[in-house]
Amino acid sequence: MSPEPVTAWLVRPRDRANAGAVTLRLDGGVLILSTPEEELRVEAAAIVRVRRIPLSPVISIVYRDGDTRSKMFIYFARPSLNTWTEQRFGTRGSMERAAEAARLAQAGRELKPVVEEWIRAIRDAGGIRP
């Protein structure tokens, strides 16, 4: 059974300008991230790896996109535009980055059941082992 659709935030490495809110759903083995203007569809069979970023409400997904591998991050809590990054949470940096890491860690504790449910569902749909 697929989880209920949720609002999440899609971030792609090196493409922060196009980051934003999406409706996340899983339908018939397809992970769908949609906005009113467009829709990204990723076949679950094309997903290579899905994991939760430690201490956060963020899922990292690596998938095959033709002959290349692509990566995306799905935030289950709204991130600060200034701290969307591929770097590890809690690394050295500004006070703003440290505050964002603390805020996301708190959201990670609160949203852990939802994030874990989505990870299980995506793995199940793609036949991915933990």
N, C-alpha and C. Protein backbone atom coordinates (compact mmCIF):
# COMPACT_ATOMS: atom_id res chain seq x y z
N MET A 1 0.84 -1.19 0.00
CA MET A 1 0.00 0.00 0.00
C MET A 1 0.88 1.25 0.00
N SER A 2 0.54 2.21 -0.81
CA SER A 2 1.32 3.45 -0.93
C SER A 2 0.95 4.43 0.18
N PRO A 3 1.93 5.21 0.64
CA PRO A 3 1.61 6.24 1.64
C PRO A 3 0.70 7.31 1.03
N GLU A 4 0.04 8.03 1.88
CA GLU A 4 -0.80 9.15 1.43
C GLU A 4 0.10 10.21 0.79
N PRO A 5 -0.38 10.87 -0.28
CA PRO A 5 0.41 11.96 -0.87
C PRO A 5 0.70 13.04 0.18
N VAL A 6 1.89 13.63 0.08
CA VAL A 6 2.30 14.67 1.01
C VAL A 6 2.94 15.83 0.25
N THR A 7 2.97 16.97 0.90
CA THR A 7 3.72 18.10 0.37
C THR A 7 5.15 17.95 0.86
N ALA A 8 6.09 18.05 -0.06
CA ALA A 8 7.51 17.95 0.27
C ALA A 8 8.24 19.00 -0.57
N TRP A 9 9.54 19.07 -0.40
CA TRP A 9 10.35 20.03 -1.14
C TRP A 9 11.44 19.27 -1.87
N LEU A 10 11.50 19.46 -3.18
CA LEU A 10 12.47 18.77 -4.03
C LEU A 10 13.68 19.67 -4.23
N VAL A 11 14.86 19.12 -3.98
CA VAL A 11 16.11 19.83 -4.19
C VAL A 11 17.02 18.92 -5.00
N ARG A 12 17.59 19.47 -6.06
CA ARG A 12 18.56 18.71 -6.87
C ARG A 12 19.93 19.34 -6.69
N PRO A 13 20.97 18.52 -6.54
CA PRO A 13 22.32 19.09 -6.40
C PRO A 13 22.64 20.02 -7.57
N ARG A 14 23.25 21.12 -7.26
CA ARG A 14 23.69 22.10 -8.24
C ARG A 14 22.54 22.73 -9.03
N ASP A 15 21.30 22.60 -8.56
CA ASP A 15 20.16 23.21 -9.25
C ASP A 15 19.21 23.81 -8.22
N ARG A 16 19.75 24.58 -7.29
CA ARG A 16 18.94 25.14 -6.22
C ARG A 16 17.91 26.14 -6.72
N ALA A 17 18.16 26.73 -7.88
CA ALA A 17 17.22 27.72 -8.42
C ALA A 17 15.86 27.11 -8.71
N ASN A 18 15.82 25.83 -9.05
CA ASN A 18 14.56 25.17 -9.37
C ASN A 18 13.99 24.35 -8.21
N ALA A 19 14.55 24.53 -7.02
CA ALA A 19 14.05 23.81 -5.86
C ALA A 19 12.70 24.38 -5.46
N GLY A 20 11.83 23.51 -4.92
CA GLY A 20 10.54 24.03 -4.48
C GLY A 20 9.59 22.95 -4.02
N ALA A 21 8.43 23.40 -3.63
CA ALA A 21 7.41 22.51 -3.09
C ALA A 21 6.82 21.64 -4.19
N VAL A 22 6.57 20.38 -3.83
CA VAL A 22 5.96 19.41 -4.74
C VAL A 22 4.95 18.58 -3.96
N THR A 23 4.05 17.96 -4.68
CA THR A 23 3.21 16.93 -4.08
C THR A 23 3.88 15.61 -4.41
N LEU A 24 4.17 14.84 -3.39
CA LEU A 24 4.87 13.57 -3.53
C LEU A 24 3.86 12.44 -3.42
N ARG A 25 3.88 11.55 -4.42
CA ARG A 25 3.00 10.38 -4.34
C ARG A 25 3.66 9.22 -5.05
N LEU A 26 3.21 8.04 -4.72
CA LEU A 26 3.71 6.80 -5.31
C LEU A 26 2.50 6.10 -5.90
N ASP A 27 2.55 5.85 -7.22
CA ASP A 27 1.40 5.28 -7.90
C ASP A 27 1.85 4.24 -8.91
N GLY A 28 1.48 3.00 -8.69
CA GLY A 28 1.78 1.94 -9.64
C GLY A 28 3.25 1.77 -9.95
N GLY A 29 4.10 1.86 -8.95
CA GLY A 29 5.53 1.69 -9.19
C GLY A 29 6.21 2.91 -9.78
N VAL A 30 5.57 4.06 -9.69
CA VAL A 30 6.15 5.31 -10.19
C VAL A 30 6.12 6.34 -9.06
N LEU A 31 7.29 6.93 -8.79
CA LEU A 31 7.39 8.02 -7.82
C LEU A 31 7.08 9.30 -8.59
N ILE A 32 6.08 10.04 -8.13
CA ILE A 32 5.62 11.23 -8.85
C ILE A 32 5.79 12.45 -7.95
N LEU A 33 6.49 13.45 -8.48
CA LEU A 33 6.68 14.72 -7.80
C LEU A 33 6.07 15.77 -8.70
N SER A 34 5.01 16.43 -8.23
CA SER A 34 4.31 17.34 -9.12
C SER A 34 4.08 18.71 -8.51
N THR A 35 4.06 19.68 -9.41
CA THR A 35 3.67 21.05 -9.09
C THR A 35 2.51 21.36 -10.03
N PRO A 36 1.85 22.50 -9.86
CA PRO A 36 0.79 22.82 -10.81
C PRO A 36 1.29 22.95 -12.25
N GLU A 37 2.57 23.28 -12.43
CA GLU A 37 3.12 23.50 -13.76
C GLU A 37 3.72 22.25 -14.41
N GLU A 38 4.30 21.35 -13.61
CA GLU A 38 5.00 20.21 -14.19
C GLU A 38 4.97 19.00 -13.27
N GLU A 39 5.46 17.89 -13.82
CA GLU A 39 5.45 16.64 -13.07
C GLU A 39 6.73 15.87 -13.40
N LEU A 40 7.41 15.41 -12.38
CA LEU A 40 8.57 14.55 -12.54
C LEU A 40 8.14 13.14 -12.16
N ARG A 41 8.34 12.21 -13.08
CA ARG A 41 7.97 10.81 -12.84
C ARG A 41 9.24 9.97 -12.89
N VAL A 42 9.48 9.21 -11.82
CA VAL A 42 10.64 8.33 -11.76
C VAL A 42 10.13 6.91 -11.51
N GLU A 43 10.41 6.04 -12.46
CA GLU A 43 10.04 4.63 -12.29
C GLU A 43 10.78 4.08 -11.08
N ALA A 44 10.07 3.39 -10.20
CA ALA A 44 10.69 2.82 -9.01
C ALA A 44 11.81 1.85 -9.40
N ALA A 45 11.65 1.17 -10.53
CA ALA A 45 12.68 0.23 -10.99
C ALA A 45 13.98 0.95 -11.38
N ALA A 46 13.91 2.26 -11.65
CA ALA A 46 15.10 3.04 -12.01
C ALA A 46 15.83 3.57 -10.78
N ILE A 47 15.21 3.43 -9.60
CA ILE A 47 15.83 3.93 -8.37
C ILE A 47 16.90 2.95 -7.92
N VAL A 48 18.10 3.47 -7.72
CA VAL A 48 19.24 2.66 -7.33
C VAL A 48 19.39 2.63 -5.81
N ARG A 49 19.19 3.80 -5.19
CA ARG A 49 19.37 3.88 -3.74
C ARG A 49 18.44 4.93 -3.15
N VAL A 50 17.90 4.62 -2.00
CA VAL A 50 17.08 5.58 -1.25
C VAL A 50 17.46 5.44 0.22
N ARG A 51 17.75 6.59 0.84
CA ARG A 51 18.11 6.55 2.25
C ARG A 51 17.77 7.87 2.92
N ARG A 52 17.61 7.80 4.21
CA ARG A 52 17.36 9.00 5.00
C ARG A 52 18.69 9.62 5.36
N ILE A 53 18.78 10.94 5.23
CA ILE A 53 19.97 11.65 5.67
C ILE A 53 19.92 11.65 7.20
N PRO A 54 20.97 11.18 7.87
CA PRO A 54 20.93 11.08 9.34
C PRO A 54 20.51 12.38 10.02
N LEU A 55 19.69 12.22 11.04
CA LEU A 55 19.23 13.33 11.88
C LEU A 55 18.45 14.40 11.11
N SER A 56 17.74 13.99 10.08
CA SER A 56 16.99 14.98 9.30
C SER A 56 15.72 14.37 8.73
N PRO A 57 14.82 15.25 8.25
CA PRO A 57 13.62 14.78 7.57
C PRO A 57 13.84 14.79 6.04
N VAL A 58 14.98 14.27 5.61
CA VAL A 58 15.37 14.34 4.21
C VAL A 58 15.70 12.95 3.68
N ILE A 59 15.18 12.66 2.49
CA ILE A 59 15.49 11.41 1.79
C ILE A 59 16.38 11.75 0.60
N SER A 60 17.43 10.98 0.44
CA SER A 60 18.32 11.10 -0.72
C SER A 60 17.96 9.95 -1.66
N ILE A 61 17.74 10.26 -2.93
CA ILE A 61 17.39 9.24 -3.92
C ILE A 61 18.36 9.33 -5.10
N VAL A 62 18.97 8.20 -5.43
CA VAL A 62 19.81 8.09 -6.62
C VAL A 62 19.05 7.22 -7.59
N TYR A 63 18.95 7.68 -8.85
CA TYR A 63 18.18 6.93 -9.84
C TYR A 63 18.84 7.02 -11.21
N ARG A 64 18.53 6.05 -12.05
CA ARG A 64 19.03 6.05 -13.42
C ARG A 64 18.13 6.96 -14.26
N ASP A 65 18.79 7.84 -14.99
CA ASP A 65 18.09 8.76 -15.89
C ASP A 65 18.73 8.58 -17.26
N GLY A 66 18.24 7.62 -18.00
CA GLY A 66 18.87 7.25 -19.26
C GLY A 66 20.17 6.51 -18.96
N ASP A 67 21.27 7.01 -19.50
CA ASP A 67 22.58 6.39 -19.29
C ASP A 67 23.32 6.96 -18.09
N THR A 68 22.75 7.95 -17.43
CA THR A 68 23.43 8.58 -16.30
C THR A 68 22.68 8.32 -15.00
N ARG A 69 23.38 8.61 -13.92
CA ARG A 69 22.74 8.56 -12.61
C ARG A 69 22.45 9.98 -12.16
N SER A 70 21.28 10.18 -11.60
CA SER A 70 20.89 11.48 -11.08
C SER A 70 20.59 11.34 -9.59
N LYS A 71 20.62 12.46 -8.90
CA LYS A 71 20.38 12.46 -7.47
C LYS A 71 19.40 13.57 -7.14
N MET A 72 18.54 13.31 -6.17
CA MET A 72 17.63 14.33 -5.69
C MET A 72 17.46 14.16 -4.19
N PHE A 73 17.08 15.24 -3.55
CA PHE A 73 16.79 15.23 -2.13
C PHE A 73 15.33 15.63 -1.96
N ILE A 74 14.62 14.90 -1.11
CA ILE A 74 13.24 15.23 -0.80
C ILE A 74 13.19 15.61 0.68
N TYR A 75 12.85 16.88 0.93
CA TYR A 75 12.73 17.40 2.29
C TYR A 75 11.27 17.27 2.70
N PHE A 76 11.03 16.72 3.88
CA PHE A 76 9.68 16.62 4.40
C PHE A 76 9.35 17.80 5.32
N ALA A 77 10.31 18.69 5.52
CA ALA A 77 10.11 19.95 6.24
C ALA A 77 10.70 21.04 5.36
N ARG A 78 10.06 22.16 5.31
CA ARG A 78 10.52 23.24 4.42
C ARG A 78 11.94 23.68 4.80
N PRO A 79 12.88 23.58 3.87
CA PRO A 79 14.25 24.02 4.17
C PRO A 79 14.42 25.51 3.93
N SER A 80 15.45 26.06 4.52
CA SER A 80 15.80 27.44 4.26
C SER A 80 16.49 27.50 2.90
N LEU A 81 16.13 28.46 2.09
CA LEU A 81 16.74 28.58 0.76
C LEU A 81 18.25 28.74 0.82
N ASN A 82 18.75 29.36 1.88
CA ASN A 82 20.18 29.61 1.97
C ASN A 82 20.98 28.38 2.40
N THR A 83 20.30 27.33 2.85
CA THR A 83 21.05 26.18 3.35
C THR A 83 20.76 24.90 2.58
N TRP A 84 20.01 24.97 1.50
CA TRP A 84 19.82 23.77 0.69
C TRP A 84 21.17 23.39 0.16
N THR A 85 21.59 22.20 0.44
CA THR A 85 22.94 21.82 0.06
C THR A 85 23.08 20.32 0.01
N GLU A 86 24.13 19.88 -0.66
CA GLU A 86 24.45 18.47 -0.71
C GLU A 86 25.39 18.11 0.43
N GLN A 87 25.93 19.13 1.12
CA GLN A 87 26.87 18.87 2.20
C GLN A 87 26.17 18.25 3.39
N ARG A 88 26.94 17.60 4.20
CA ARG A 88 26.42 16.94 5.39
C ARG A 88 25.89 17.96 6.40
N PHE A 89 24.77 17.62 7.04
CA PHE A 89 24.20 18.49 8.07
C PHE A 89 25.16 18.55 9.25
N GLY A 90 25.25 19.72 9.85
CA GLY A 90 26.05 19.87 11.05
C GLY A 90 27.52 20.10 10.78
N THR A 91 27.94 20.23 9.51
CA THR A 91 29.34 20.51 9.24
C THR A 91 29.63 21.95 9.57
N ARG A 92 30.91 22.27 9.64
CA ARG A 92 31.29 23.64 9.98
C ARG A 92 30.68 24.63 9.01
N GLY A 93 30.36 25.76 9.53
CA GLY A 93 29.77 26.79 8.67
C GLY A 93 29.24 27.93 9.49
N SER A 94 28.36 28.65 8.91
CA SER A 94 27.83 29.84 9.55
C SER A 94 26.86 29.49 10.67
N MET A 95 26.53 30.50 11.43
CA MET A 95 25.53 30.34 12.50
C MET A 95 24.19 29.98 11.89
N GLU A 96 23.89 30.56 10.73
CA GLU A 96 22.63 30.27 10.05
C GLU A 96 22.55 28.79 9.69
N ARG A 97 23.64 28.24 9.19
CA ARG A 97 23.68 26.82 8.83
C ARG A 97 23.52 25.94 10.06
N ALA A 98 24.15 26.32 11.16
CA ALA A 98 24.02 25.55 12.41
C ALA A 98 22.58 25.59 12.92
N ALA A 99 21.96 26.77 12.84
CA ALA A 99 20.56 26.90 13.28
C ALA A 99 19.64 26.06 12.40
N GLU A 100 19.90 26.06 11.09
CA GLU A 100 19.09 25.25 10.16
C GLU A 100 19.27 23.76 10.45
N ALA A 101 20.51 23.35 10.75
CA ALA A 101 20.75 21.95 11.07
C ALA A 101 19.98 21.55 12.33
N ALA A 102 19.97 22.41 13.33
CA ALA A 102 19.23 22.13 14.57
C ALA A 102 17.72 22.06 14.29
N ARG A 103 17.22 22.99 13.48
CA ARG A 103 15.78 22.99 13.14
C ARG A 103 15.41 21.73 12.37
N LEU A 104 16.24 21.34 11.42
CA LEU A 104 15.95 20.13 10.65
C LEU A 104 16.08 18.87 11.51
N ALA A 105 17.01 18.86 12.46
CA ALA A 105 17.13 17.71 13.36
C ALA A 105 15.85 17.55 14.19
N GLN A 106 15.30 18.67 14.68
CA GLN A 106 14.04 18.61 15.43
C GLN A 106 12.91 18.11 14.53
N ALA A 107 12.83 18.64 13.32
CA ALA A 107 11.80 18.18 12.38
C ALA A 107 12.01 16.71 12.04
N GLY A 108 13.27 16.28 11.97
CA GLY A 108 13.57 14.87 11.69
C GLY A 108 13.01 13.95 12.76
N ARG A 109 13.11 14.37 14.01
CA ARG A 109 12.54 13.57 15.11
C ARG A 109 11.02 13.50 15.00
N GLU A 110 10.41 14.64 14.71
CA GLU A 110 8.95 14.70 14.63
C GLU A 110 8.40 13.96 13.41
N LEU A 111 9.10 14.03 12.30
CA LEU A 111 8.61 13.46 11.04
C LEU A 111 9.18 12.08 10.73
N LYS A 112 9.94 11.51 11.65
CA LYS A 112 10.60 10.22 11.39
C LYS A 112 9.63 9.14 10.91
N PRO A 113 8.46 8.97 11.53
CA PRO A 113 7.55 7.92 11.04
C PRO A 113 7.12 8.12 9.58
N VAL A 114 6.86 9.36 9.19
CA VAL A 114 6.45 9.65 7.81
C VAL A 114 7.60 9.37 6.85
N VAL A 115 8.79 9.84 7.20
CA VAL A 115 9.97 9.65 6.35
C VAL A 115 10.27 8.16 6.19
N GLU A 116 10.23 7.43 7.29
CA GLU A 116 10.50 5.98 7.25
C GLU A 116 9.45 5.25 6.41
N GLU A 117 8.19 5.68 6.51
CA GLU A 117 7.13 5.06 5.71
C GLU A 117 7.40 5.26 4.22
N TRP A 118 7.84 6.45 3.84
CA TRP A 118 8.13 6.72 2.43
C TRP A 118 9.35 5.93 1.95
N ILE A 119 10.35 5.81 2.79
CA ILE A 119 11.53 5.03 2.40
C ILE A 119 11.13 3.58 2.16
N ARG A 120 10.37 3.00 3.08
CA ARG A 120 9.92 1.60 2.91
C ARG A 120 9.10 1.44 1.63
N ALA A 121 8.18 2.36 1.40
CA ALA A 121 7.31 2.26 0.23
C ALA A 121 8.10 2.36 -1.07
N ILE A 122 9.06 3.28 -1.13
CA ILE A 122 9.87 3.42 -2.34
C ILE A 122 10.74 2.19 -2.55
N ARG A 123 11.35 1.71 -1.48
CA ARG A 123 12.17 0.49 -1.58
C ARG A 123 11.33 -0.70 -2.03
N ASP A 124 10.16 -0.86 -1.44
CA ASP A 124 9.27 -1.96 -1.82
C ASP A 124 8.88 -1.87 -3.29
N ALA A 125 8.51 -0.67 -3.74
CA ALA A 125 8.07 -0.48 -5.13
C ALA A 125 9.19 -0.78 -6.12
N GLY A 126 10.44 -0.47 -5.73
CA GLY A 126 11.57 -0.68 -6.64
C GLY A 126 12.31 -1.98 -6.40
N GLY A 127 11.88 -2.75 -5.40
CA GLY A 127 12.59 -3.98 -5.08
C GLY A 127 14.00 -3.74 -4.57
N ILE A 128 14.17 -2.64 -3.84
CA ILE A 128 15.48 -2.25 -3.32
C ILE A 128 15.64 -2.80 -1.91
N ARG A 129 16.79 -3.41 -1.68
CA ARG A 129 17.07 -3.91 -0.33
C ARG A 129 17.64 -2.79 0.52
N PRO A 130 17.32 -2.80 1.82
CA PRO A 130 17.85 -1.74 2.72
C PRO A 130 19.36 -1.79 2.84
